[in-house]
PDBML (XML) file of the C-alpha atoms, coordinates in Angstrom:
<?xml version="1.0" encoding="UTF-8" ?>
<PDBx:datablock datablockName="MODEL"
   xmlns:PDBx="http://pdbml.pdb.org/schema/pdbx-v50.xsd"
   xmlns:xsi="http://www.w3.org/2001/XMLSchema-instance"
   xsi:schemaLocation="http://pdbml.pdb.org/schema/pdbx-v50.xsd pdbx-v50.xsd">
   <PDBx:atom_siteCategory>
      <PDBx:atom_site id="1">
         <PDBx:B_iso_or_equiv>0.00</PDBx:B_iso_or_equiv>
         <PDBx:Cartn_x>3.165</PDBx:Cartn_x>
         <PDBx:Cartn_y>-17.272</PDBx:Cartn_y>
         <PDBx:Cartn_z>88.359</PDBx:Cartn_z>
         <PDBx:auth_asym_id>A</PDBx:auth_asym_id>
         <PDBx:auth_atom_id>CA</PDBx:auth_atom_id>
         <PDBx:auth_comp_id>UNK</PDBx:auth_comp_id>
         <PDBx:auth_seq_id>1</PDBx:auth_seq_id>
         <PDBx:group_PDB>ATOM</PDBx:group_PDB>
         <PDBx:label_alt_id xsi:nil="true" />
         <PDBx:label_asym_id>A</PDBx:label_asym_id>
         <PDBx:label_atom_id>CA</PDBx:label_atom_id>
         <PDBx:label_comp_id>UNK</PDBx:label_comp_id>
         <PDBx:label_entity_id>1</PDBx:label_entity_id>
         <PDBx:label_seq_id>1</PDBx:label_seq_id>
         <PDBx:occupancy>1.00</PDBx:occupancy>
         <PDBx:pdbx_PDB_model_num>1</PDBx:pdbx_PDB_model_num>
         <PDBx:type_symbol>C</PDBx:type_symbol>
      </PDBx:atom_site>
      <PDBx:atom_site id="2">
         <PDBx:B_iso_or_equiv>0.00</PDBx:B_iso_or_equiv>
         <PDBx:Cartn_x>2.254</PDBx:Cartn_x>
         <PDBx:Cartn_y>-14.308</PDBx:Cartn_y>
         <PDBx:Cartn_z>90.372</PDBx:Cartn_z>
         <PDBx:auth_asym_id>A</PDBx:auth_asym_id>
         <PDBx:auth_atom_id>CA</PDBx:auth_atom_id>
         <PDBx:auth_comp_id>UNK</PDBx:auth_comp_id>
         <PDBx:auth_seq_id>2</PDBx:auth_seq_id>
         <PDBx:group_PDB>ATOM</PDBx:group_PDB>
         <PDBx:label_alt_id xsi:nil="true" />
         <PDBx:label_asym_id>A</PDBx:label_asym_id>
         <PDBx:label_atom_id>CA</PDBx:label_atom_id>
         <PDBx:label_comp_id>UNK</PDBx:label_comp_id>
         <PDBx:label_entity_id>1</PDBx:label_entity_id>
         <PDBx:label_seq_id>2</PDBx:label_seq_id>
         <PDBx:occupancy>1.00</PDBx:occupancy>
         <PDBx:pdbx_PDB_model_num>1</PDBx:pdbx_PDB_model_num>
         <PDBx:type_symbol>C</PDBx:type_symbol>
      </PDBx:atom_site>
      <PDBx:atom_site id="3">
         <PDBx:B_iso_or_equiv>0.00</PDBx:B_iso_or_equiv>
         <PDBx:Cartn_x>-1.597</PDBx:Cartn_x>
         <PDBx:Cartn_y>-15.163</PDBx:Cartn_y>
         <PDBx:Cartn_z>91.018</PDBx:Cartn_z>
         <PDBx:auth_asym_id>A</PDBx:auth_asym_id>
         <PDBx:auth_atom_id>CA</PDBx:auth_atom_id>
         <PDBx:auth_comp_id>UNK</PDBx:auth_comp_id>
         <PDBx:auth_seq_id>3</PDBx:auth_seq_id>
         <PDBx:group_PDB>ATOM</PDBx:group_PDB>
         <PDBx:label_alt_id xsi:nil="true" />
         <PDBx:label_asym_id>A</PDBx:label_asym_id>
         <PDBx:label_atom_id>CA</PDBx:label_atom_id>
         <PDBx:label_comp_id>UNK</PDBx:label_comp_id>
         <PDBx:label_entity_id>1</PDBx:label_entity_id>
         <PDBx:label_seq_id>3</PDBx:label_seq_id>
         <PDBx:occupancy>1.00</PDBx:occupancy>
         <PDBx:pdbx_PDB_model_num>1</PDBx:pdbx_PDB_model_num>
         <PDBx:type_symbol>C</PDBx:type_symbol>
      </PDBx:atom_site>
      <PDBx:atom_site id="4">
         <PDBx:B_iso_or_equiv>0.00</PDBx:B_iso_or_equiv>
         <PDBx:Cartn_x>-0.629</PDBx:Cartn_x>
         <PDBx:Cartn_y>-18.486</PDBx:Cartn_y>
         <PDBx:Cartn_z>91.332</PDBx:Cartn_z>
         <PDBx:auth_asym_id>A</PDBx:auth_asym_id>
         <PDBx:auth_atom_id>CA</PDBx:auth_atom_id>
         <PDBx:auth_comp_id>UNK</PDBx:auth_comp_id>
         <PDBx:auth_seq_id>4</PDBx:auth_seq_id>
         <PDBx:group_PDB>ATOM</PDBx:group_PDB>
         <PDBx:label_alt_id xsi:nil="true" />
         <PDBx:label_asym_id>A</PDBx:label_asym_id>
         <PDBx:label_atom_id>CA</PDBx:label_atom_id>
         <PDBx:label_comp_id>UNK</PDBx:label_comp_id>
         <PDBx:label_entity_id>1</PDBx:label_entity_id>
         <PDBx:label_seq_id>4</PDBx:label_seq_id>
         <PDBx:occupancy>1.00</PDBx:occupancy>
         <PDBx:pdbx_PDB_model_num>1</PDBx:pdbx_PDB_model_num>
         <PDBx:type_symbol>C</PDBx:type_symbol>
      </PDBx:atom_site>
      <PDBx:atom_site id="5">
         <PDBx:B_iso_or_equiv>0.00</PDBx:B_iso_or_equiv>
         <PDBx:Cartn_x>2.131</PDBx:Cartn_x>
         <PDBx:Cartn_y>-17.473</PDBx:Cartn_y>
         <PDBx:Cartn_z>93.852</PDBx:Cartn_z>
         <PDBx:auth_asym_id>A</PDBx:auth_asym_id>
         <PDBx:auth_atom_id>CA</PDBx:auth_atom_id>
         <PDBx:auth_comp_id>UNK</PDBx:auth_comp_id>
         <PDBx:auth_seq_id>5</PDBx:auth_seq_id>
         <PDBx:group_PDB>ATOM</PDBx:group_PDB>
         <PDBx:label_alt_id xsi:nil="true" />
         <PDBx:label_asym_id>A</PDBx:label_asym_id>
         <PDBx:label_atom_id>CA</PDBx:label_atom_id>
         <PDBx:label_comp_id>UNK</PDBx:label_comp_id>
         <PDBx:label_entity_id>1</PDBx:label_entity_id>
         <PDBx:label_seq_id>5</PDBx:label_seq_id>
         <PDBx:occupancy>1.00</PDBx:occupancy>
         <PDBx:pdbx_PDB_model_num>1</PDBx:pdbx_PDB_model_num>
         <PDBx:type_symbol>C</PDBx:type_symbol>
      </PDBx:atom_site>
      <PDBx:atom_site id="6">
         <PDBx:B_iso_or_equiv>0.00</PDBx:B_iso_or_equiv>
         <PDBx:Cartn_x>-0.949</PDBx:Cartn_x>
         <PDBx:Cartn_y>-16.419</PDBx:Cartn_y>
         <PDBx:Cartn_z>95.862</PDBx:Cartn_z>
         <PDBx:auth_asym_id>A</PDBx:auth_asym_id>
         <PDBx:auth_atom_id>CA</PDBx:auth_atom_id>
         <PDBx:auth_comp_id>UNK</PDBx:auth_comp_id>
         <PDBx:auth_seq_id>6</PDBx:auth_seq_id>
         <PDBx:group_PDB>ATOM</PDBx:group_PDB>
         <PDBx:label_alt_id xsi:nil="true" />
         <PDBx:label_asym_id>A</PDBx:label_asym_id>
         <PDBx:label_atom_id>CA</PDBx:label_atom_id>
         <PDBx:label_comp_id>UNK</PDBx:label_comp_id>
         <PDBx:label_entity_id>1</PDBx:label_entity_id>
         <PDBx:label_seq_id>6</PDBx:label_seq_id>
         <PDBx:occupancy>1.00</PDBx:occupancy>
         <PDBx:pdbx_PDB_model_num>1</PDBx:pdbx_PDB_model_num>
         <PDBx:type_symbol>C</PDBx:type_symbol>
      </PDBx:atom_site>
      <PDBx:atom_site id="7">
         <PDBx:B_iso_or_equiv>0.00</PDBx:B_iso_or_equiv>
         <PDBx:Cartn_x>-3.367</PDBx:Cartn_x>
         <PDBx:Cartn_y>-19.493</PDBx:Cartn_y>
         <PDBx:Cartn_z>95.797</PDBx:Cartn_z>
         <PDBx:auth_asym_id>A</PDBx:auth_asym_id>
         <PDBx:auth_atom_id>CA</PDBx:auth_atom_id>
         <PDBx:auth_comp_id>UNK</PDBx:auth_comp_id>
         <PDBx:auth_seq_id>7</PDBx:auth_seq_id>
         <PDBx:group_PDB>ATOM</PDBx:group_PDB>
         <PDBx:label_alt_id xsi:nil="true" />
         <PDBx:label_asym_id>A</PDBx:label_asym_id>
         <PDBx:label_atom_id>CA</PDBx:label_atom_id>
         <PDBx:label_comp_id>UNK</PDBx:label_comp_id>
         <PDBx:label_entity_id>1</PDBx:label_entity_id>
         <PDBx:label_seq_id>7</PDBx:label_seq_id>
         <PDBx:occupancy>1.00</PDBx:occupancy>
         <PDBx:pdbx_PDB_model_num>1</PDBx:pdbx_PDB_model_num>
         <PDBx:type_symbol>C</PDBx:type_symbol>
      </PDBx:atom_site>
      <PDBx:atom_site id="8">
         <PDBx:B_iso_or_equiv>0.00</PDBx:B_iso_or_equiv>
         <PDBx:Cartn_x>-1.139</PDBx:Cartn_x>
         <PDBx:Cartn_y>-22.324</PDBx:Cartn_y>
         <PDBx:Cartn_z>95.006</PDBx:Cartn_z>
         <PDBx:auth_asym_id>A</PDBx:auth_asym_id>
         <PDBx:auth_atom_id>CA</PDBx:auth_atom_id>
         <PDBx:auth_comp_id>UNK</PDBx:auth_comp_id>
         <PDBx:auth_seq_id>8</PDBx:auth_seq_id>
         <PDBx:group_PDB>ATOM</PDBx:group_PDB>
         <PDBx:label_alt_id xsi:nil="true" />
         <PDBx:label_asym_id>A</PDBx:label_asym_id>
         <PDBx:label_atom_id>CA</PDBx:label_atom_id>
         <PDBx:label_comp_id>UNK</PDBx:label_comp_id>
         <PDBx:label_entity_id>1</PDBx:label_entity_id>
         <PDBx:label_seq_id>8</PDBx:label_seq_id>
         <PDBx:occupancy>1.00</PDBx:occupancy>
         <PDBx:pdbx_PDB_model_num>1</PDBx:pdbx_PDB_model_num>
         <PDBx:type_symbol>C</PDBx:type_symbol>
      </PDBx:atom_site>
      <PDBx:atom_site id="9">
         <PDBx:B_iso_or_equiv>0.00</PDBx:B_iso_or_equiv>
         <PDBx:Cartn_x>1.531</PDBx:Cartn_x>
         <PDBx:Cartn_y>-22.364</PDBx:Cartn_y>
         <PDBx:Cartn_z>97.516</PDBx:Cartn_z>
         <PDBx:auth_asym_id>A</PDBx:auth_asym_id>
         <PDBx:auth_atom_id>CA</PDBx:auth_atom_id>
         <PDBx:auth_comp_id>UNK</PDBx:auth_comp_id>
         <PDBx:auth_seq_id>9</PDBx:auth_seq_id>
         <PDBx:group_PDB>ATOM</PDBx:group_PDB>
         <PDBx:label_alt_id xsi:nil="true" />
         <PDBx:label_asym_id>A</PDBx:label_asym_id>
         <PDBx:label_atom_id>CA</PDBx:label_atom_id>
         <PDBx:label_comp_id>UNK</PDBx:label_comp_id>
         <PDBx:label_entity_id>1</PDBx:label_entity_id>
         <PDBx:label_seq_id>9</PDBx:label_seq_id>
         <PDBx:occupancy>1.00</PDBx:occupancy>
         <PDBx:pdbx_PDB_model_num>1</PDBx:pdbx_PDB_model_num>
         <PDBx:type_symbol>C</PDBx:type_symbol>
      </PDBx:atom_site>
      <PDBx:atom_site id="10">
         <PDBx:B_iso_or_equiv>0.00</PDBx:B_iso_or_equiv>
         <PDBx:Cartn_x>4.197</PDBx:Cartn_x>
         <PDBx:Cartn_y>-25.401</PDBx:Cartn_y>
         <PDBx:Cartn_z>95.999</PDBx:Cartn_z>
         <PDBx:auth_asym_id>A</PDBx:auth_asym_id>
         <PDBx:auth_atom_id>CA</PDBx:auth_atom_id>
         <PDBx:auth_comp_id>UNK</PDBx:auth_comp_id>
         <PDBx:auth_seq_id>10</PDBx:auth_seq_id>
         <PDBx:group_PDB>ATOM</PDBx:group_PDB>
         <PDBx:label_alt_id xsi:nil="true" />
         <PDBx:label_asym_id>A</PDBx:label_asym_id>
         <PDBx:label_atom_id>CA</PDBx:label_atom_id>
         <PDBx:label_comp_id>UNK</PDBx:label_comp_id>
         <PDBx:label_entity_id>1</PDBx:label_entity_id>
         <PDBx:label_seq_id>10</PDBx:label_seq_id>
         <PDBx:occupancy>1.00</PDBx:occupancy>
         <PDBx:pdbx_PDB_model_num>1</PDBx:pdbx_PDB_model_num>
         <PDBx:type_symbol>C</PDBx:type_symbol>
      </PDBx:atom_site>
      <PDBx:atom_site id="11">
         <PDBx:B_iso_or_equiv>0.00</PDBx:B_iso_or_equiv>
         <PDBx:Cartn_x>3.678</PDBx:Cartn_x>
         <PDBx:Cartn_y>-24.968</PDBx:Cartn_y>
         <PDBx:Cartn_z>92.984</PDBx:Cartn_z>
         <PDBx:auth_asym_id>A</PDBx:auth_asym_id>
         <PDBx:auth_atom_id>CA</PDBx:auth_atom_id>
         <PDBx:auth_comp_id>UNK</PDBx:auth_comp_id>
         <PDBx:auth_seq_id>11</PDBx:auth_seq_id>
         <PDBx:group_PDB>ATOM</PDBx:group_PDB>
         <PDBx:label_alt_id xsi:nil="true" />
         <PDBx:label_asym_id>A</PDBx:label_asym_id>
         <PDBx:label_atom_id>CA</PDBx:label_atom_id>
         <PDBx:label_comp_id>UNK</PDBx:label_comp_id>
         <PDBx:label_entity_id>1</PDBx:label_entity_id>
         <PDBx:label_seq_id>11</PDBx:label_seq_id>
         <PDBx:occupancy>1.00</PDBx:occupancy>
         <PDBx:pdbx_PDB_model_num>1</PDBx:pdbx_PDB_model_num>
         <PDBx:type_symbol>C</PDBx:type_symbol>
      </PDBx:atom_site>
      <PDBx:atom_site id="12">
         <PDBx:B_iso_or_equiv>0.00</PDBx:B_iso_or_equiv>
         <PDBx:Cartn_x>6.475</PDBx:Cartn_x>
         <PDBx:Cartn_y>-23.317</PDBx:Cartn_y>
         <PDBx:Cartn_z>91.745</PDBx:Cartn_z>
         <PDBx:auth_asym_id>A</PDBx:auth_asym_id>
         <PDBx:auth_atom_id>CA</PDBx:auth_atom_id>
         <PDBx:auth_comp_id>UNK</PDBx:auth_comp_id>
         <PDBx:auth_seq_id>12</PDBx:auth_seq_id>
         <PDBx:group_PDB>ATOM</PDBx:group_PDB>
         <PDBx:label_alt_id xsi:nil="true" />
         <PDBx:label_asym_id>A</PDBx:label_asym_id>
         <PDBx:label_atom_id>CA</PDBx:label_atom_id>
         <PDBx:label_comp_id>UNK</PDBx:label_comp_id>
         <PDBx:label_entity_id>1</PDBx:label_entity_id>
         <PDBx:label_seq_id>12</PDBx:label_seq_id>
         <PDBx:occupancy>1.00</PDBx:occupancy>
         <PDBx:pdbx_PDB_model_num>1</PDBx:pdbx_PDB_model_num>
         <PDBx:type_symbol>C</PDBx:type_symbol>
      </PDBx:atom_site>
      <PDBx:atom_site id="13">
         <PDBx:B_iso_or_equiv>0.00</PDBx:B_iso_or_equiv>
         <PDBx:Cartn_x>8.645</PDBx:Cartn_x>
         <PDBx:Cartn_y>-26.317</PDBx:Cartn_y>
         <PDBx:Cartn_z>92.434</PDBx:Cartn_z>
         <PDBx:auth_asym_id>A</PDBx:auth_asym_id>
         <PDBx:auth_atom_id>CA</PDBx:auth_atom_id>
         <PDBx:auth_comp_id>UNK</PDBx:auth_comp_id>
         <PDBx:auth_seq_id>13</PDBx:auth_seq_id>
         <PDBx:group_PDB>ATOM</PDBx:group_PDB>
         <PDBx:label_alt_id xsi:nil="true" />
         <PDBx:label_asym_id>A</PDBx:label_asym_id>
         <PDBx:label_atom_id>CA</PDBx:label_atom_id>
         <PDBx:label_comp_id>UNK</PDBx:label_comp_id>
         <PDBx:label_entity_id>1</PDBx:label_entity_id>
         <PDBx:label_seq_id>13</PDBx:label_seq_id>
         <PDBx:occupancy>1.00</PDBx:occupancy>
         <PDBx:pdbx_PDB_model_num>1</PDBx:pdbx_PDB_model_num>
         <PDBx:type_symbol>C</PDBx:type_symbol>
      </PDBx:atom_site>
      <PDBx:atom_site id="14">
         <PDBx:B_iso_or_equiv>0.00</PDBx:B_iso_or_equiv>
         <PDBx:Cartn_x>6.837</PDBx:Cartn_x>
         <PDBx:Cartn_y>-28.306</PDBx:Cartn_y>
         <PDBx:Cartn_z>89.563</PDBx:Cartn_z>
         <PDBx:auth_asym_id>A</PDBx:auth_asym_id>
         <PDBx:auth_atom_id>CA</PDBx:auth_atom_id>
         <PDBx:auth_comp_id>UNK</PDBx:auth_comp_id>
         <PDBx:auth_seq_id>14</PDBx:auth_seq_id>
         <PDBx:group_PDB>ATOM</PDBx:group_PDB>
         <PDBx:label_alt_id xsi:nil="true" />
         <PDBx:label_asym_id>A</PDBx:label_asym_id>
         <PDBx:label_atom_id>CA</PDBx:label_atom_id>
         <PDBx:label_comp_id>UNK</PDBx:label_comp_id>
         <PDBx:label_entity_id>1</PDBx:label_entity_id>
         <PDBx:label_seq_id>14</PDBx:label_seq_id>
         <PDBx:occupancy>1.00</PDBx:occupancy>
         <PDBx:pdbx_PDB_model_num>1</PDBx:pdbx_PDB_model_num>
         <PDBx:type_symbol>C</PDBx:type_symbol>
      </PDBx:atom_site>
      <PDBx:atom_site id="15">
         <PDBx:B_iso_or_equiv>0.00</PDBx:B_iso_or_equiv>
         <PDBx:Cartn_x>8.488</PDBx:Cartn_x>
         <PDBx:Cartn_y>-29.550</PDBx:Cartn_y>
         <PDBx:Cartn_z>86.449</PDBx:Cartn_z>
         <PDBx:auth_asym_id>A</PDBx:auth_asym_id>
         <PDBx:auth_atom_id>CA</PDBx:auth_atom_id>
         <PDBx:auth_comp_id>UNK</PDBx:auth_comp_id>
         <PDBx:auth_seq_id>15</PDBx:auth_seq_id>
         <PDBx:group_PDB>ATOM</PDBx:group_PDB>
         <PDBx:label_alt_id xsi:nil="true" />
         <PDBx:label_asym_id>A</PDBx:label_asym_id>
         <PDBx:label_atom_id>CA</PDBx:label_atom_id>
         <PDBx:label_comp_id>UNK</PDBx:label_comp_id>
         <PDBx:label_entity_id>1</PDBx:label_entity_id>
         <PDBx:label_seq_id>15</PDBx:label_seq_id>
         <PDBx:occupancy>1.00</PDBx:occupancy>
         <PDBx:pdbx_PDB_model_num>1</PDBx:pdbx_PDB_model_num>
         <PDBx:type_symbol>C</PDBx:type_symbol>
      </PDBx:atom_site>
      <PDBx:atom_site id="16">
         <PDBx:B_iso_or_equiv>0.00</PDBx:B_iso_or_equiv>
         <PDBx:Cartn_x>6.961</PDBx:Cartn_x>
         <PDBx:Cartn_y>-30.446</PDBx:Cartn_y>
         <PDBx:Cartn_z>83.400</PDBx:Cartn_z>
         <PDBx:auth_asym_id>A</PDBx:auth_asym_id>
         <PDBx:auth_atom_id>CA</PDBx:auth_atom_id>
         <PDBx:auth_comp_id>UNK</PDBx:auth_comp_id>
         <PDBx:auth_seq_id>16</PDBx:auth_seq_id>
         <PDBx:group_PDB>ATOM</PDBx:group_PDB>
         <PDBx:label_alt_id xsi:nil="true" />
         <PDBx:label_asym_id>A</PDBx:label_asym_id>
         <PDBx:label_atom_id>CA</PDBx:label_atom_id>
         <PDBx:label_comp_id>UNK</PDBx:label_comp_id>
         <PDBx:label_entity_id>1</PDBx:label_entity_id>
         <PDBx:label_seq_id>16</PDBx:label_seq_id>
         <PDBx:occupancy>1.00</PDBx:occupancy>
         <PDBx:pdbx_PDB_model_num>1</PDBx:pdbx_PDB_model_num>
         <PDBx:type_symbol>C</PDBx:type_symbol>
      </PDBx:atom_site>
      <PDBx:atom_site id="17">
         <PDBx:B_iso_or_equiv>0.00</PDBx:B_iso_or_equiv>
         <PDBx:Cartn_x>8.565</PDBx:Cartn_x>
         <PDBx:Cartn_y>-31.689</PDBx:Cartn_y>
         <PDBx:Cartn_z>80.295</PDBx:Cartn_z>
         <PDBx:auth_asym_id>A</PDBx:auth_asym_id>
         <PDBx:auth_atom_id>CA</PDBx:auth_atom_id>
         <PDBx:auth_comp_id>UNK</PDBx:auth_comp_id>
         <PDBx:auth_seq_id>17</PDBx:auth_seq_id>
         <PDBx:group_PDB>ATOM</PDBx:group_PDB>
         <PDBx:label_alt_id xsi:nil="true" />
         <PDBx:label_asym_id>A</PDBx:label_asym_id>
         <PDBx:label_atom_id>CA</PDBx:label_atom_id>
         <PDBx:label_comp_id>UNK</PDBx:label_comp_id>
         <PDBx:label_entity_id>1</PDBx:label_entity_id>
         <PDBx:label_seq_id>17</PDBx:label_seq_id>
         <PDBx:occupancy>1.00</PDBx:occupancy>
         <PDBx:pdbx_PDB_model_num>1</PDBx:pdbx_PDB_model_num>
         <PDBx:type_symbol>C</PDBx:type_symbol>
      </PDBx:atom_site>
      <PDBx:atom_site id="18">
         <PDBx:B_iso_or_equiv>0.00</PDBx:B_iso_or_equiv>
         <PDBx:Cartn_x>7.486</PDBx:Cartn_x>
         <PDBx:Cartn_y>-31.262</PDBx:Cartn_y>
         <PDBx:Cartn_z>77.014</PDBx:Cartn_z>
         <PDBx:auth_asym_id>A</PDBx:auth_asym_id>
         <PDBx:auth_atom_id>CA</PDBx:auth_atom_id>
         <PDBx:auth_comp_id>UNK</PDBx:auth_comp_id>
         <PDBx:auth_seq_id>18</PDBx:auth_seq_id>
         <PDBx:group_PDB>ATOM</PDBx:group_PDB>
         <PDBx:label_alt_id xsi:nil="true" />
         <PDBx:label_asym_id>A</PDBx:label_asym_id>
         <PDBx:label_atom_id>CA</PDBx:label_atom_id>
         <PDBx:label_comp_id>UNK</PDBx:label_comp_id>
         <PDBx:label_entity_id>1</PDBx:label_entity_id>
         <PDBx:label_seq_id>18</PDBx:label_seq_id>
         <PDBx:occupancy>1.00</PDBx:occupancy>
         <PDBx:pdbx_PDB_model_num>1</PDBx:pdbx_PDB_model_num>
         <PDBx:type_symbol>C</PDBx:type_symbol>
      </PDBx:atom_site>
      <PDBx:atom_site id="19">
         <PDBx:B_iso_or_equiv>0.00</PDBx:B_iso_or_equiv>
         <PDBx:Cartn_x>9.684</PDBx:Cartn_x>
         <PDBx:Cartn_y>-33.992</PDBx:Cartn_y>
         <PDBx:Cartn_z>74.598</PDBx:Cartn_z>
         <PDBx:auth_asym_id>A</PDBx:auth_asym_id>
         <PDBx:auth_atom_id>CA</PDBx:auth_atom_id>
         <PDBx:auth_comp_id>UNK</PDBx:auth_comp_id>
         <PDBx:auth_seq_id>19</PDBx:auth_seq_id>
         <PDBx:group_PDB>ATOM</PDBx:group_PDB>
         <PDBx:label_alt_id xsi:nil="true" />
         <PDBx:label_asym_id>A</PDBx:label_asym_id>
         <PDBx:label_atom_id>CA</PDBx:label_atom_id>
         <PDBx:label_comp_id>UNK</PDBx:label_comp_id>
         <PDBx:label_entity_id>1</PDBx:label_entity_id>
         <PDBx:label_seq_id>19</PDBx:label_seq_id>
         <PDBx:occupancy>1.00</PDBx:occupancy>
         <PDBx:pdbx_PDB_model_num>1</PDBx:pdbx_PDB_model_num>
         <PDBx:type_symbol>C</PDBx:type_symbol>
      </PDBx:atom_site>
      <PDBx:atom_site id="20">
         <PDBx:B_iso_or_equiv>0.00</PDBx:B_iso_or_equiv>
         <PDBx:Cartn_x>10.174</PDBx:Cartn_x>
         <PDBx:Cartn_y>-34.386</PDBx:Cartn_y>
         <PDBx:Cartn_z>71.174</PDBx:Cartn_z>
         <PDBx:auth_asym_id>A</PDBx:auth_asym_id>
         <PDBx:auth_atom_id>CA</PDBx:auth_atom_id>
         <PDBx:auth_comp_id>UNK</PDBx:auth_comp_id>
         <PDBx:auth_seq_id>20</PDBx:auth_seq_id>
         <PDBx:group_PDB>ATOM</PDBx:group_PDB>
         <PDBx:label_alt_id xsi:nil="true" />
         <PDBx:label_asym_id>A</PDBx:label_asym_id>
         <PDBx:label_atom_id>CA</PDBx:label_atom_id>
         <PDBx:label_comp_id>UNK</PDBx:label_comp_id>
         <PDBx:label_entity_id>1</PDBx:label_entity_id>
         <PDBx:label_seq_id>20</PDBx:label_seq_id>
         <PDBx:occupancy>1.00</PDBx:occupancy>
         <PDBx:pdbx_PDB_model_num>1</PDBx:pdbx_PDB_model_num>
         <PDBx:type_symbol>C</PDBx:type_symbol>
      </PDBx:atom_site>
      <PDBx:atom_site id="21">
         <PDBx:B_iso_or_equiv>0.00</PDBx:B_iso_or_equiv>
         <PDBx:Cartn_x>10.318</PDBx:Cartn_x>
         <PDBx:Cartn_y>-38.359</PDBx:Cartn_y>
         <PDBx:Cartn_z>70.195</PDBx:Cartn_z>
         <PDBx:auth_asym_id>A</PDBx:auth_asym_id>
         <PDBx:auth_atom_id>CA</PDBx:auth_atom_id>
         <PDBx:auth_comp_id>UNK</PDBx:auth_comp_id>
         <PDBx:auth_seq_id>21</PDBx:auth_seq_id>
         <PDBx:group_PDB>ATOM</PDBx:group_PDB>
         <PDBx:label_alt_id xsi:nil="true" />
         <PDBx:label_asym_id>A</PDBx:label_asym_id>
         <PDBx:label_atom_id>CA</PDBx:label_atom_id>
         <PDBx:label_comp_id>UNK</PDBx:label_comp_id>
         <PDBx:label_entity_id>1</PDBx:label_entity_id>
         <PDBx:label_seq_id>21</PDBx:label_seq_id>
         <PDBx:occupancy>1.00</PDBx:occupancy>
         <PDBx:pdbx_PDB_model_num>1</PDBx:pdbx_PDB_model_num>
         <PDBx:type_symbol>C</PDBx:type_symbol>
      </PDBx:atom_site>
      <PDBx:atom_site id="22">
         <PDBx:B_iso_or_equiv>0.00</PDBx:B_iso_or_equiv>
         <PDBx:Cartn_x>9.872</PDBx:Cartn_x>
         <PDBx:Cartn_y>-42.121</PDBx:Cartn_y>
         <PDBx:Cartn_z>71.399</PDBx:Cartn_z>
         <PDBx:auth_asym_id>A</PDBx:auth_asym_id>
         <PDBx:auth_atom_id>CA</PDBx:auth_atom_id>
         <PDBx:auth_comp_id>UNK</PDBx:auth_comp_id>
         <PDBx:auth_seq_id>22</PDBx:auth_seq_id>
         <PDBx:group_PDB>ATOM</PDBx:group_PDB>
         <PDBx:label_alt_id xsi:nil="true" />
         <PDBx:label_asym_id>A</PDBx:label_asym_id>
         <PDBx:label_atom_id>CA</PDBx:label_atom_id>
         <PDBx:label_comp_id>UNK</PDBx:label_comp_id>
         <PDBx:label_entity_id>1</PDBx:label_entity_id>
         <PDBx:label_seq_id>22</PDBx:label_seq_id>
         <PDBx:occupancy>1.00</PDBx:occupancy>
         <PDBx:pdbx_PDB_model_num>1</PDBx:pdbx_PDB_model_num>
         <PDBx:type_symbol>C</PDBx:type_symbol>
      </PDBx:atom_site>
      <PDBx:atom_site id="23">
         <PDBx:B_iso_or_equiv>0.00</PDBx:B_iso_or_equiv>
         <PDBx:Cartn_x>13.605</PDBx:Cartn_x>
         <PDBx:Cartn_y>-42.137</PDBx:Cartn_y>
         <PDBx:Cartn_z>72.564</PDBx:Cartn_z>
         <PDBx:auth_asym_id>A</PDBx:auth_asym_id>
         <PDBx:auth_atom_id>CA</PDBx:auth_atom_id>
         <PDBx:auth_comp_id>UNK</PDBx:auth_comp_id>
         <PDBx:auth_seq_id>23</PDBx:auth_seq_id>
         <PDBx:group_PDB>ATOM</PDBx:group_PDB>
         <PDBx:label_alt_id xsi:nil="true" />
         <PDBx:label_asym_id>A</PDBx:label_asym_id>
         <PDBx:label_atom_id>CA</PDBx:label_atom_id>
         <PDBx:label_comp_id>UNK</PDBx:label_comp_id>
         <PDBx:label_entity_id>1</PDBx:label_entity_id>
         <PDBx:label_seq_id>23</PDBx:label_seq_id>
         <PDBx:occupancy>1.00</PDBx:occupancy>
         <PDBx:pdbx_PDB_model_num>1</PDBx:pdbx_PDB_model_num>
         <PDBx:type_symbol>C</PDBx:type_symbol>
      </PDBx:atom_site>
      <PDBx:atom_site id="24">
         <PDBx:B_iso_or_equiv>0.00</PDBx:B_iso_or_equiv>
         <PDBx:Cartn_x>13.403</PDBx:Cartn_x>
         <PDBx:Cartn_y>-40.161</PDBx:Cartn_y>
         <PDBx:Cartn_z>75.524</PDBx:Cartn_z>
         <PDBx:auth_asym_id>A</PDBx:auth_asym_id>
         <PDBx:auth_atom_id>CA</PDBx:auth_atom_id>
         <PDBx:auth_comp_id>UNK</PDBx:auth_comp_id>
         <PDBx:auth_seq_id>24</PDBx:auth_seq_id>
         <PDBx:group_PDB>ATOM</PDBx:group_PDB>
         <PDBx:label_alt_id xsi:nil="true" />
         <PDBx:label_asym_id>A</PDBx:label_asym_id>
         <PDBx:label_atom_id>CA</PDBx:label_atom_id>
         <PDBx:label_comp_id>UNK</PDBx:label_comp_id>
         <PDBx:label_entity_id>1</PDBx:label_entity_id>
         <PDBx:label_seq_id>24</PDBx:label_seq_id>
         <PDBx:occupancy>1.00</PDBx:occupancy>
         <PDBx:pdbx_PDB_model_num>1</PDBx:pdbx_PDB_model_num>
         <PDBx:type_symbol>C</PDBx:type_symbol>
      </PDBx:atom_site>
   </PDBx:atom_siteCategory>
</PDBx:datablock>
């Protein structure tokens, strides 16, 4: 984030999902 904050404005609003099975 310290680097991305300078080079990629708006990235702090990104959501990443890491899910463990097929149900959800």
